[in-house]
């Protein structure tokens, strides 16, 4: 009988470990879902803020630029939101104004001139 009791005890431990592992995975899954919801909420708020700050043409310009430089566009969007909150730019930002902001943000590039002799 002691062998049978030992087997039952081991099996009970295995089941408890499996249950604990499943609970841990469930908690991790909930945490991931919460993070995703927070990220979606943040993106939605950012999109709404940009909708108020930018004209449709300026939003389209940023959308086109995002295809080639997504990190740069994210930084510009955050800068625009901060400037609008601080009331340092005129709202709505037109496409021409956005062009100027983009030119200032990229800085001056070196121009290379090749002279042939």
Protein backbone atom coordinates (compact mmCIF):
# COMPACT_ATOMS: atom_id res chain seq x y z
CA UNK A 1 0.00 0.00 0.00
CA UNK A 2 2.83 2.43 0.65
CA UNK A 3 3.92 2.15 -3.00
CA UNK A 4 0.44 3.05 -4.12
CA UNK A 5 0.35 5.99 -1.70
CA UNK A 6 3.73 7.17 -3.00
CA UNK A 7 2.50 7.05 -6.61
CA UNK A 8 -0.66 8.98 -5.67
CA UNK A 9 1.43 11.57 -3.84
CA UNK A 10 3.77 12.05 -6.83
CA UNK A 11 0.85 12.32 -9.21
CA UNK A 12 -0.80 14.91 -6.94
CA UNK A 13 2.43 16.95 -6.92
CA UNK A 14 2.63 16.80 -10.72
CA UNK A 15 -0.96 17.99 -11.04
CA UNK A 16 -0.34 20.83 -8.59
CA UNK A 17 2.77 21.90 -10.53
CA UNK A 18 0.83 21.80 -13.80
CA UNK A 19 -1.97 23.85 -12.26
CA UNK A 20 0.53 26.41 -10.93
CA UNK A 21 2.18 26.63 -14.38
CA UNK A 22 -1.20 27.15 -16.06
CA UNK A 23 -2.10 29.88 -13.59
CA UNK A 24 1.24 31.59 -14.26
CA UNK A 25 0.62 31.43 -18.01
CA UNK A 26 -2.88 32.83 -17.48
CA UNK A 27 -1.46 35.75 -15.51
CA UNK A 28 1.15 36.38 -18.21
CA UNK A 29 -1.56 36.30 -20.86
CA UNK A 30 -3.67 38.79 -18.92
CA UNK A 31 -0.68 41.08 -18.51
CA UNK A 32 0.06 40.93 -22.23
CA UNK A 33 -3.57 41.71 -23.05
CA UNK A 34 -3.55 44.69 -20.68
CA UNK A 35 -0.36 46.02 -22.28
CA UNK A 36 -1.90 45.64 -25.74
CA UNK A 37 -5.03 47.48 -24.63
CA UNK A 38 -2.94 50.29 -23.17
CA UNK A 39 -0.92 50.52 -26.40
CA UNK A 40 -4.12 50.64 -28.48
CA UNK A 41 -5.57 53.35 -26.23
CA UNK A 42 -2.34 55.37 -26.52
CA UNK A 43 -2.33 55.06 -30.33
CA UNK A 44 -6.00 56.08 -30.51
CA UNK A 45 -5.40 59.15 -28.33
CA UNK A 46 -2.37 60.08 -30.44
CA UNK A 47 -4.37 59.68 -33.64
CA UNK A 48 -7.19 61.87 -32.28
CA UNK A 49 -4.73 64.55 -31.18
CA UNK A 50 -3.04 64.58 -34.58
CA UNK A 51 -6.44 64.75 -36.28
CA UNK A 52 -7.08 67.99 -34.39
CA UNK A 53 -3.58 69.39 -34.90
CA UNK A 54 -2.98 68.63 -38.60
CA UNK A 55 -4.90 69.40 -41.75
CA UNK A 56 -5.82 66.41 -43.93
CA UNK A 57 -3.03 67.23 -46.39
CA UNK A 58 -0.45 67.36 -43.60
CA UNK A 59 -1.70 64.04 -42.19
CA UNK A 60 -1.38 62.51 -45.65
CA UNK A 61 2.19 63.80 -45.94
CA UNK A 62 3.10 62.18 -42.62
CA UNK A 63 1.40 58.93 -43.66
CA UNK A 64 3.46 58.86 -46.86
CA UNK A 65 6.66 59.66 -44.99
CA UNK A 66 5.90 56.94 -42.43
CA UNK A 67 6.38 54.32 -45.15
CA UNK A 68 10.06 55.18 -45.44
CA UNK A 69 10.94 56.63 -42.02
CA UNK A 70 8.55 55.34 -39.33
CA UNK A 71 10.80 56.27 -36.37
CA UNK A 72 11.32 59.79 -37.68
CA UNK A 73 7.57 60.29 -38.18
CA UNK A 74 6.83 59.04 -34.65
CA UNK A 75 9.28 61.56 -33.24
CA UNK A 76 7.76 64.38 -35.33
CA UNK A 77 4.25 63.41 -34.21
CA UNK A 78 5.27 63.53 -30.56
CA UNK A 79 6.98 66.88 -31.14
CA UNK A 80 3.83 68.26 -32.79
CA UNK A 81 1.63 67.07 -29.92
CA UNK A 82 3.97 68.66 -27.38
CA UNK A 83 4.11 71.93 -29.31
CA UNK A 84 0.32 72.00 -29.58
CA UNK A 85 -0.11 71.32 -25.86
CA UNK A 86 2.33 74.13 -25.07
CA UNK A 87 0.45 76.34 -27.58
CA UNK A 88 3.66 77.08 -29.45
CA UNK A 89 2.24 76.35 -32.91
CA UNK A 90 -0.84 77.59 -34.70
CA UNK A 91 -3.52 74.91 -34.99
CA UNK A 92 -4.35 73.43 -37.46
CA UNK A 93 -0.90 72.90 -38.92
CA UNK A 94 -1.01 73.21 -42.69
CA UNK A 95 0.97 71.14 -45.15
CA UNK A 96 3.32 74.05 -45.84
CA UNK A 97 4.03 74.53 -42.13
CA UNK A 98 4.63 70.79 -41.74
CA UNK A 99 7.11 70.92 -44.63
CA UNK A 100 9.04 73.63 -42.80
CA UNK A 101 9.02 71.61 -39.57
CA UNK A 102 10.27 68.54 -41.44
CA UNK A 103 13.05 70.53 -43.10
CA UNK A 104 14.16 71.91 -39.74
CA UNK A 105 14.02 68.47 -38.14
CA UNK A 106 16.16 66.82 -40.81
CA UNK A 107 18.76 69.54 -40.66
CA UNK A 108 20.92 70.61 -43.51
CA UNK A 109 22.48 67.92 -45.57
CA UNK A 110 25.89 68.28 -47.07
CA UNK A 111 25.84 69.15 -50.68
CA UNK A 112 28.42 67.45 -52.78
CA UNK A 113 29.60 69.25 -55.87
CA UNK A 114 31.73 67.45 -58.40
CA UNK A 115 33.78 69.61 -60.69
CA UNK A 116 35.25 68.10 -63.79
CA UNK A 117 38.48 69.32 -65.26
